[in-house]
Amino acid sequence: MTGHSQKNDLESPSEEKIDWKALAQMRTLVFLMGIKTIQSNMNRLMQAGLSEKTPAALIRWGTYPKQQTWISDVGSIGKLVEQQ
């Protein structure tokens, strides 16, 4: 799913609201283009019941020579990326 859609806001009147509780039950999630919203997306997943200890990874500029990769957990990855 897109990681930066304005339609993923819980307060949005959009008909395309994201079902965060359903996402929190899935085994693997992929957010595309979500580096700027990583913390808010992880917060929404935790609020929906996903454990903060769930493994998480973020890949920026994948397949390019300037690729960056962060590996952490849902509760910490947003802060880790922000610090970097």
PDB file of N, CA and C in Angstrom:
ATOM      1  N   MET A   1       0.838  -1.172   0.000  1.00  0.00           N
ATOM      2  CA  MET A   1       0.000   0.000   0.000  1.00  0.00           C
ATOM      3  C   MET A   1       0.881   1.232   0.000  1.00  0.00           C
ATOM      4  N   THR A   2       0.345   2.338  -0.389  1.00  0.00           N
ATOM      5  CA  THR A   2       1.129   3.563  -0.377  1.00  0.00           C
ATOM      6  C   THR A   2       1.339   4.031   1.051  1.00  0.00           C
ATOM      7  N   GLY A   3       2.525   4.500   1.328  1.00  0.00           N
ATOM      8  CA  GLY A   3       2.840   4.966   2.672  1.00  0.00           C
ATOM      9  C   GLY A   3       2.620   6.442   2.869  1.00  0.00           C
ATOM     10  N   HIS A   4       2.256   7.153   1.815  1.00  0.00           N
ATOM     11  CA  HIS A   4       2.148   8.597   1.961  1.00  0.00           C
ATOM     12  C   HIS A   4       0.809   9.170   1.536  1.00  0.00           C
ATOM     13  N   SER A   5      -0.177   8.339   1.341  1.00  0.00           N
ATOM     14  CA  SER A   5      -1.492   8.813   0.940  1.00  0.00           C
ATOM     15  C   SER A   5      -2.126   9.643   2.035  1.00  0.00           C
ATOM     16  N   GLN A   6      -2.726  10.747   1.666  1.00  0.00           N
ATOM     17  CA  GLN A   6      -3.464  11.564   2.625  1.00  0.00           C
ATOM     18  C   GLN A   6      -4.731  10.844   3.062  1.00  0.00           C
ATOM     19  N   LYS A   7      -5.142   9.846   2.322  1.00  0.00           N
ATOM     20  CA  LYS A   7      -6.367   9.119   2.636  1.00  0.00           C
ATOM     21  C   LYS A   7      -6.179   8.111   3.759  1.00  0.00           C
ATOM     22  N   ASN A   8      -4.954   7.992   4.301  1.00  0.00           N
ATOM     23  CA  ASN A   8      -4.755   7.035   5.382  1.00  0.00           C
ATOM     24  C   ASN A   8      -4.965   7.670   6.753  1.00  0.00           C
ATOM     25  N   ASP A   9      -5.431   8.904   6.776  1.00  0.00           N
ATOM     26  CA  ASP A   9      -5.687   9.609   8.024  1.00  0.00           C
ATOM     27  C   ASP A   9      -6.967   9.061   8.649  1.00  0.00           C
ATOM     28  N   LEU A  10      -6.887   8.691   9.917  1.00  0.00           N
ATOM     29  CA  LEU A  10      -8.062   8.131  10.608  1.00  0.00           C
ATOM     30  C   LEU A  10      -9.215   9.121  10.677  1.00  0.00           C
ATOM     31  N   GLU A  11      -8.912  10.412  10.611  1.00  0.00           N
ATOM     32  CA  GLU A  11      -9.950  11.437  10.702  1.00  0.00           C
ATOM     33  C   GLU A  11     -10.478  11.843   9.327  1.00  0.00           C
ATOM     34  N   SER A  12      -9.939  11.269   8.272  1.00  0.00           N
ATOM     35  CA  SER A  12     -10.327  11.639   6.918  1.00  0.00           C
ATOM     36  C   SER A  12     -11.754  11.201   6.620  1.00  0.00           C
ATOM     37  N   PRO A  13     -12.517  12.057   5.955  1.00  0.00           N
ATOM     38  CA  PRO A  13     -13.870  11.655   5.559  1.00  0.00           C
ATOM     39  C   PRO A  13     -13.870  10.762   4.325  1.00  0.00           C
ATOM     40  N   SER A  14     -12.704  10.431   3.815  1.00  0.00           N
ATOM     41  CA  SER A  14     -12.587   9.642   2.594  1.00  0.00           C
ATOM     42  C   SER A  14     -13.262   8.285   2.735  1.00  0.00           C
ATOM     43  N   GLU A  15     -13.835   7.821   1.630  1.00  0.00           N
ATOM     44  CA  GLU A  15     -14.425   6.486   1.604  1.00  0.00           C
ATOM     45  C   GLU A  15     -13.340   5.419   1.535  1.00  0.00           C
ATOM     46  N   GLU A  16     -12.113   5.825   1.262  1.00  0.00           N
ATOM     47  CA  GLU A  16     -11.010   4.886   1.114  1.00  0.00           C
ATOM     48  C   GLU A  16     -10.183   4.786   2.389  1.00  0.00           C
ATOM     49  N   LYS A  17     -10.821   4.885   3.530  1.00  0.00           N
ATOM     50  CA  LYS A  17     -10.096   4.765   4.790  1.00  0.00           C
ATOM     51  C   LYS A  17      -9.411   3.410   4.878  1.00  0.00           C
ATOM     52  N   ILE A  18      -8.258   3.418   5.492  1.00  0.00           N
ATOM     53  CA  ILE A  18      -7.502   2.183   5.661  1.00  0.00           C
ATOM     54  C   ILE A  18      -7.989   1.459   6.902  1.00  0.00           C
ATOM     55  N   ASP A  19      -8.177   0.167   6.806  1.00  0.00           N
ATOM     56  CA  ASP A  19      -8.601  -0.654   7.937  1.00  0.00           C
ATOM     57  C   ASP A  19      -7.341  -1.097   8.688  1.00  0.00           C
ATOM     58  N   TRP A  20      -6.893  -0.260   9.619  1.00  0.00           N
ATOM     59  CA  TRP A  20      -5.655  -0.512  10.353  1.00  0.00           C
ATOM     60  C   TRP A  20      -5.744  -1.785  11.187  1.00  0.00           C
ATOM     61  N   LYS A  21      -6.928  -2.108  11.714  1.00  0.00           N
ATOM     62  CA  LYS A  21      -7.083  -3.342  12.489  1.00  0.00           C
ATOM     63  C   LYS A  21      -6.862  -4.565  11.612  1.00  0.00           C
ATOM     64  N   ALA A  22      -7.356  -4.524  10.381  1.00  0.00           N
ATOM     65  CA  ALA A  22      -7.129  -5.640   9.451  1.00  0.00           C
ATOM     66  C   ALA A  22      -5.648  -5.733   9.095  1.00  0.00           C
ATOM     67  N   LEU A  23      -5.018  -4.604   8.849  1.00  0.00           N
ATOM     68  CA  LEU A  23      -3.588  -4.613   8.535  1.00  0.00           C
ATOM     69  C   LEU A  23      -2.765  -5.168   9.688  1.00  0.00           C
ATOM     70  N   ALA A  24      -3.140  -4.807  10.911  1.00  0.00           N
ATOM     71  CA  ALA A  24      -2.385  -5.262  12.086  1.00  0.00           C
ATOM     72  C   ALA A  24      -2.445  -6.774  12.256  1.00  0.00           C
ATOM     73  N   GLN A  25      -3.390  -7.441  11.607  1.00  0.00           N
ATOM     74  CA  GLN A  25      -3.516  -8.898  11.697  1.00  0.00           C
ATOM     75  C   GLN A  25      -2.715  -9.624  10.619  1.00  0.00           C
ATOM     76  N   MET A  26      -2.234  -8.892   9.631  1.00  0.00           N
ATOM     77  CA  MET A  26      -1.498  -9.519   8.527  1.00  0.00           C
ATOM     78  C   MET A  26      -0.063  -9.829   8.927  1.00  0.00           C
ATOM     79  N   ARG A  27       0.508 -10.832   8.306  1.00  0.00           N
ATOM     80  CA  ARG A  27       1.865 -11.266   8.651  1.00  0.00           C
ATOM     81  C   ARG A  27       2.926 -10.388   8.008  1.00  0.00           C
ATOM     82  N   THR A  28       2.700  -9.907   6.804  1.00  0.00           N
ATOM     83  CA  THR A  28       3.682  -9.088   6.104  1.00  0.00           C
ATOM     84  C   THR A  28       2.984  -7.890   5.479  1.00  0.00           C
ATOM     85  N   LEU A  29       3.531  -6.724   5.710  1.00  0.00           N
ATOM     86  CA  LEU A  29       3.004  -5.488   5.129  1.00  0.00           C
ATOM     87  C   LEU A  29       4.113  -4.789   4.366  1.00  0.00           C
ATOM     88  N   VAL A  30       3.766  -4.160   3.261  1.00  0.00           N
ATOM     89  CA  VAL A  30       4.725  -3.374   2.493  1.00  0.00           C
ATOM     90  C   VAL A  30       4.100  -2.010   2.244  1.00  0.00           C
ATOM     91  N   PHE A  31       4.767  -0.977   2.728  1.00  0.00           N
ATOM     92  CA  PHE A  31       4.362   0.396   2.470  1.00  0.00           C
ATOM     93  C   PHE A  31       5.335   0.957   1.448  1.00  0.00           C
ATOM     94  N   LEU A  32       4.839   1.450   0.350  1.00  0.00           N
ATOM     95  CA  LEU A  32       5.686   2.053  -0.667  1.00  0.00           C
ATOM     96  C   LEU A  32       5.711   3.564  -0.478  1.00  0.00           C
ATOM     97  N   MET A  33       6.866   4.141  -0.617  1.00  0.00           N
ATOM     98  CA  MET A  33       7.046   5.592  -0.534  1.00  0.00           C
ATOM     99  C   MET A  33       6.576   6.132   0.813  1.00  0.00           C
ATOM    100  N   GLY A  34       6.983   5.517   1.897  1.00  0.00           N
ATOM    101  CA  GLY A  34       6.458   5.907   3.190  1.00  0.00           C
ATOM    102  C   GLY A  34       7.476   6.412   4.192  1.00  0.00           C
ATOM    103  N   ILE A  35       8.639   6.860   3.752  1.00  0.00           N
ATOM    104  CA  ILE A  35       9.654   7.262   4.715  1.00  0.00           C
ATOM    105  C   ILE A  35       9.209   8.468   5.546  1.00  0.00           C
ATOM    106  N   LYS A  36       8.487   9.393   4.942  1.00  0.00           N
ATOM    107  CA  LYS A  36       8.059  10.587   5.673  1.00  0.00           C
ATOM    108  C   LYS A  36       6.932  10.307   6.654  1.00  0.00           C
ATOM    109  N   THR A  37       6.220   9.214   6.456  1.00  0.00           N
ATOM    110  CA  THR A  37       5.078   8.897   7.320  1.00  0.00           C
ATOM    111  C   THR A  37       5.291   7.620   8.124  1.00  0.00           C
ATOM    112  N   ILE A  38       6.541   7.149   8.184  1.00  0.00           N
ATOM    113  CA  ILE A  38       6.819   5.880   8.868  1.00  0.00           C
ATOM    114  C   ILE A  38       6.334   5.889  10.316  1.00  0.00           C
ATOM    115  N   GLN A  39       6.617   6.955  11.047  1.00  0.00           N
ATOM    116  CA  GLN A  39       6.231   6.991  12.462  1.00  0.00           C
ATOM    117  C   GLN A  39       4.718   6.981  12.631  1.00  0.00           C
ATOM    118  N   SER A  40       4.011   7.791  11.864  1.00  0.00           N
ATOM    119  CA  SER A  40       2.551   7.810  12.025  1.00  0.00           C
ATOM    120  C   SER A  40       1.930   6.494  11.577  1.00  0.00           C
ATOM    121  N   ASN A  41       2.453   5.870  10.531  1.00  0.00           N
ATOM    122  CA  ASN A  41       1.917   4.577  10.104  1.00  0.00           C
ATOM    123  C   ASN A  41       2.189   3.492  11.143  1.00  0.00           C
ATOM    124  N   MET A  42       3.358   3.489  11.741  1.00  0.00           N
ATOM    125  CA  MET A  42       3.658   2.505  12.788  1.00  0.00           C
ATOM    126  C   MET A  42       2.783   2.756  14.016  1.00  0.00           C
ATOM    127  N   ASN A  43       2.564   4.014  14.365  1.00  0.00           N
ATOM    128  CA  ASN A  43       1.685   4.341  15.494  1.00  0.00           C
ATOM    129  C   ASN A  43       0.272   3.816  15.250  1.00  0.00           C
ATOM    130  N   ARG A  44      -0.219   3.997  14.034  1.00  0.00           N
ATOM    131  CA  ARG A  44      -1.567   3.516  13.712  1.00  0.00           C
ATOM    132  C   ARG A  44      -1.647   1.997  13.814  1.00  0.00           C
ATOM    133  N   LEU A  45      -0.607   1.314  13.348  1.00  0.00           N
ATOM    134  CA  LEU A  45      -0.600  -0.147  13.449  1.00  0.00           C
ATOM    135  C   LEU A  45      -0.577  -0.602  14.906  1.00  0.00           C
ATOM    136  N   MET A  46       0.217   0.058  15.742  1.00  0.00           N
ATOM    137  CA  MET A  46       0.256  -0.312  17.162  1.00  0.00           C
ATOM    138  C   MET A  46      -1.072  -0.014  17.837  1.00  0.00           C
ATOM    139  N   GLN A  47      -1.702   1.109  17.502  1.00  0.00           N
ATOM    140  CA  GLN A  47      -3.010   1.436  18.067  1.00  0.00           C
ATOM    141  C   GLN A  47      -4.053   0.394  17.654  1.00  0.00           C
ATOM    142  N   ALA A  48      -3.839  -0.221  16.505  1.00  0.00           N
ATOM    143  CA  ALA A  48      -4.763  -1.238  16.003  1.00  0.00           C
ATOM    144  C   ALA A  48      -4.452  -2.626  16.539  1.00  0.00           C
ATOM    145  N   GLY A  49      -3.412  -2.738  17.371  1.00  0.00           N
ATOM    146  CA  GLY A  49      -3.144  -4.010  18.031  1.00  0.00           C
ATOM    147  C   GLY A  49      -1.851  -4.715  17.648  1.00  0.00           C
ATOM    148  N   LEU A  50      -1.087  -4.174  16.713  1.00  0.00           N
ATOM    149  CA  LEU A  50       0.174  -4.809  16.336  1.00  0.00           C
ATOM    150  C   LEU A  50       1.210  -4.567  17.426  1.00  0.00           C
ATOM    151  N   SER A  51       1.916  -5.603  17.818  1.00  0.00           N
ATOM    152  CA  SER A  51       2.918  -5.486  18.873  1.00  0.00           C
ATOM    153  C   SER A  51       4.054  -4.566  18.446  1.00  0.00           C
ATOM    154  N   GLU A  52       4.506  -3.739  19.374  1.00  0.00           N
ATOM    155  CA  GLU A  52       5.631  -2.846  19.089  1.00  0.00           C
ATOM    156  C   GLU A  52       6.923  -3.620  18.848  1.00  0.00           C
ATOM    157  N   LYS A  53       6.953  -4.868  19.231  1.00  0.00           N
ATOM    158  CA  LYS A  53       8.143  -5.716  19.046  1.00  0.00           C
ATOM    159  C   LYS A  53       8.158  -6.443  17.695  1.00  0.00           C
ATOM    160  N   THR A  54       7.156  -6.218  16.875  1.00  0.00           N
ATOM    161  CA  THR A  54       7.107  -6.842  15.554  1.00  0.00           C
ATOM    162  C   THR A  54       8.287  -6.358  14.710  1.00  0.00           C
ATOM    163  N   PRO A  55       9.039  -7.274  14.108  1.00  0.00           N
ATOM    164  CA  PRO A  55      10.169  -6.859  13.277  1.00  0.00           C
ATOM    165  C   PRO A  55       9.726  -5.948  12.128  1.00  0.00           C
ATOM    166  N   ALA A  56      10.582  -4.981  11.804  1.00  0.00           N
ATOM    167  CA  ALA A  56      10.281  -4.034  10.730  1.00  0.00           C
ATOM    168  C   ALA A  56      11.572  -3.665  10.003  1.00  0.00           C
ATOM    169  N   ALA A  57      11.442  -3.367   8.744  1.00  0.00           N
ATOM    170  CA  ALA A  57      12.584  -2.914   7.946  1.00  0.00           C
ATOM    171  C   ALA A  57      12.111  -1.806   7.022  1.00  0.00           C
ATOM    172  N   LEU A  58      13.007  -0.904   6.730  1.00  0.00           N
ATOM    173  CA  LEU A  58      12.727   0.164   5.786  1.00  0.00           C
ATOM    174  C   LEU A  58      13.879   0.207   4.789  1.00  0.00           C
ATOM    175  N   ILE A  59      13.530   0.209   3.521  1.00  0.00           N
ATOM    176  CA  ILE A  59      14.532   0.305   2.460  1.00  0.00           C
ATOM    177  C   ILE A  59      14.238   1.570   1.670  1.00  0.00           C
ATOM    178  N   ARG A  60      15.227   2.443   1.592  1.00  0.00           N
ATOM    179  CA  ARG A  60      15.095   3.689   0.846  1.00  0.00           C
ATOM    180  C   ARG A  60      15.991   3.598  -0.377  1.00  0.00           C
ATOM    181  N   TRP A  61      15.480   4.031  -1.501  1.00  0.00           N
ATOM    182  CA  TRP A  61      16.224   3.992  -2.761  1.00  0.00           C
ATOM    183  C   TRP A  61      16.648   2.563  -3.121  1.00  0.00           C
ATOM    184  N   GLY A  62      15.745   1.600  -2.921  1.00  0.00           N
ATOM    185  CA  GLY A  62      16.059   0.204  -3.198  1.00  0.00           C
ATOM    186  C   GLY A  62      16.560  -0.024  -4.615  1.00  0.00           C
ATOM    187  N   THR A  63      17.552  -0.836  -4.749  1.00  0.00           N
ATOM    188  CA  THR A  63      18.240  -1.243  -5.973  1.00  0.00           C
ATOM    189  C   THR A  63      19.162  -0.176  -6.554  1.00  0.00           C
ATOM    190  N   TYR A  64      19.238   0.978  -5.925  1.00  0.00           N
ATOM    191  CA  TYR A  64      20.150   2.033  -6.379  1.00  0.00           C
ATOM    192  C   TYR A  64      21.441   1.977  -5.570  1.00  0.00           C
ATOM    193  N   PRO A  65      22.533   2.485  -6.113  1.00  0.00           N
ATOM    194  CA  PRO A  65      23.789   2.493  -5.354  1.00  0.00           C
ATOM    195  C   PRO A  65      23.685   3.233  -4.017  1.00  0.00           C
ATOM    196  N   LYS A  66      22.785   4.196  -3.927  1.00  0.00           N
ATOM    197  CA  LYS A  66      22.621   4.958  -2.681  1.00  0.00           C
ATOM    198  C   LYS A  66      21.590   4.332  -1.729  1.00  0.00           C
ATOM    199  N   GLN A  67      21.242   3.064  -1.953  1.00  0.00           N
ATOM    200  CA  GLN A  67      20.258   2.386  -1.106  1.00  0.00           C
ATOM    201  C   GLN A  67      20.638   2.476   0.364  1.00  0.00           C
ATOM    202  N   GLN A  68      19.621   2.715   1.205  1.00  0.00           N
ATOM    203  CA  GLN A  68      19.781   2.709   2.659  1.00  0.00           C
ATOM    204  C   GLN A  68      18.793   1.689   3.224  1.00  0.00           C
ATOM    205  N   THR A  69      19.220   0.962   4.254  1.00  0.00           N
ATOM    206  CA  THR A  69      18.361  -0.045   4.874  1.00  0.00           C
ATOM    207  C   THR A  69      18.425   0.098   6.391  1.00  0.00           C
ATOM    208  N   TRP A  70      17.253   0.105   7.034  1.00  0.00           N
ATOM    209  CA  TRP A  70      17.168   0.135   8.493  1.00  0.00           C
ATOM    210  C   TRP A  70      16.378  -1.097   8.929  1.00  0.00           C
ATOM    211  N   ILE A  71      16.838  -1.757   9.959  1.00  0.00           N
ATOM    212  CA  ILE A  71      16.143  -2.923  10.506  1.00  0.00           C
ATOM    213  C   ILE A  71      15.949  -2.694  11.996  1.00  0.00           C
ATOM    214  N   SER A  72      14.715  -2.863  12.439  1.00  0.00           N
ATOM    215  CA  SER A  72      14.395  -2.607  13.842  1.00  0.00           C
ATOM    216  C   SER A  72      13.084  -3.313  14.168  1.00  0.00           C
ATOM    217  N   ASP A  73      12.238  -2.644  14.942  1.00  0.00           N
ATOM    218  CA  ASP A  73      10.900  -3.157  15.226  1.00  0.00           C
ATOM    219  C   ASP A  73       9.906  -2.020  15.036  1.00  0.00           C
ATOM    220  N   VAL A  74       8.638  -2.361  15.000  1.00  0.00           N
ATOM    221  CA  VAL A  74       7.587  -1.386  14.734  1.00  0.00           C
ATOM    222  C   VAL A  74       7.625  -0.215  15.723  1.00  0.00           C
ATOM    223  N   GLY A  75       7.938  -0.499  16.977  1.00  0.00           N
ATOM    224  CA  GLY A  75       7.958   0.548  17.992  1.00  0.00           C
ATOM    225  C   GLY A  75       9.133   1.493  17.898  1.00  0.00           C
ATOM    226  N   SER A  76      10.200   1.102  17.216  1.00  0.00           N
ATOM    227  CA  SER A  76      11.429   1.903  17.195  1.00  0.00           C
ATOM    228  C   SER A  76      11.861   2.392  15.826  1.00  0.00           C
ATOM    229  N   ILE A  77      11.366   1.811  14.767  1.00  0.00           N
ATOM    230  CA  ILE A  77      11.926   2.114  13.448  1.00  0.00           C
ATOM    231  C   ILE A  77      11.739   3.578  13.032  1.00  0.00           C
ATOM    232  N   GLY A  78      10.641   4.179  13.402  1.00  0.00           N
ATOM    233  CA  GLY A  78      10.411   5.584  13.039  1.00  0.00           C
ATOM    234  C   GLY A  78      11.459   6.497  13.650  1.00  0.00           C
ATOM    235  N   LYS A  79      11.753   6.282  14.912  1.00  0.00           N
ATOM    236  CA  LYS A  79      12.776   7.094  15.589  1.00  0.00           C
ATOM    237  C   LYS A  79      14.158   6.817  15.022  1.00  0.00           C
ATOM    238  N   LEU A  80      14.448   5.567  14.705  1.00  0.00           N
ATOM    239  CA  LEU A  80      15.730   5.196  14.135  1.00  0.00           C
ATOM    240  C   LEU A  80      15.957   5.909  12.802  1.00  0.00           C
ATOM    241  N   VAL A  81      14.955   5.890  11.949  1.00  0.00           N
ATOM    242  CA  VAL A  81      15.052   6.544  10.634  1.00  0.00           C
ATOM    243  C   VAL A  81      15.202   8.049  10.825  1.00  0.00           C
ATOM    244  N   GLU A  82      14.436   8.623  11.726  1.00  0.00           N
ATOM    245  CA  GLU A  82      14.507  10.062  11.983  1.00  0.00           C
ATOM    246  C   GLU A  82      15.924  10.465  12.458  1.00  0.00           C
ATOM    247  N   GLN A  83      16.537   9.662  13.289  1.00  0.00           N
ATOM    248  CA  GLN A  83      17.882   9.954  13.775  1.00  0.00           C
ATOM    249  C   GLN A  83      18.922   9.873  12.675  1.00  0.00           C
ATOM    250  N   GLN A  84      18.697   9.019  11.703  1.00  0.00           N
ATOM    251  CA  GLN A  84      19.647   8.837  10.619  1.00  0.00           C
ATOM    252  C   GLN A  84      19.479   9.918   9.584  1.00  0.00           C
TER     253      GLN A  84
END
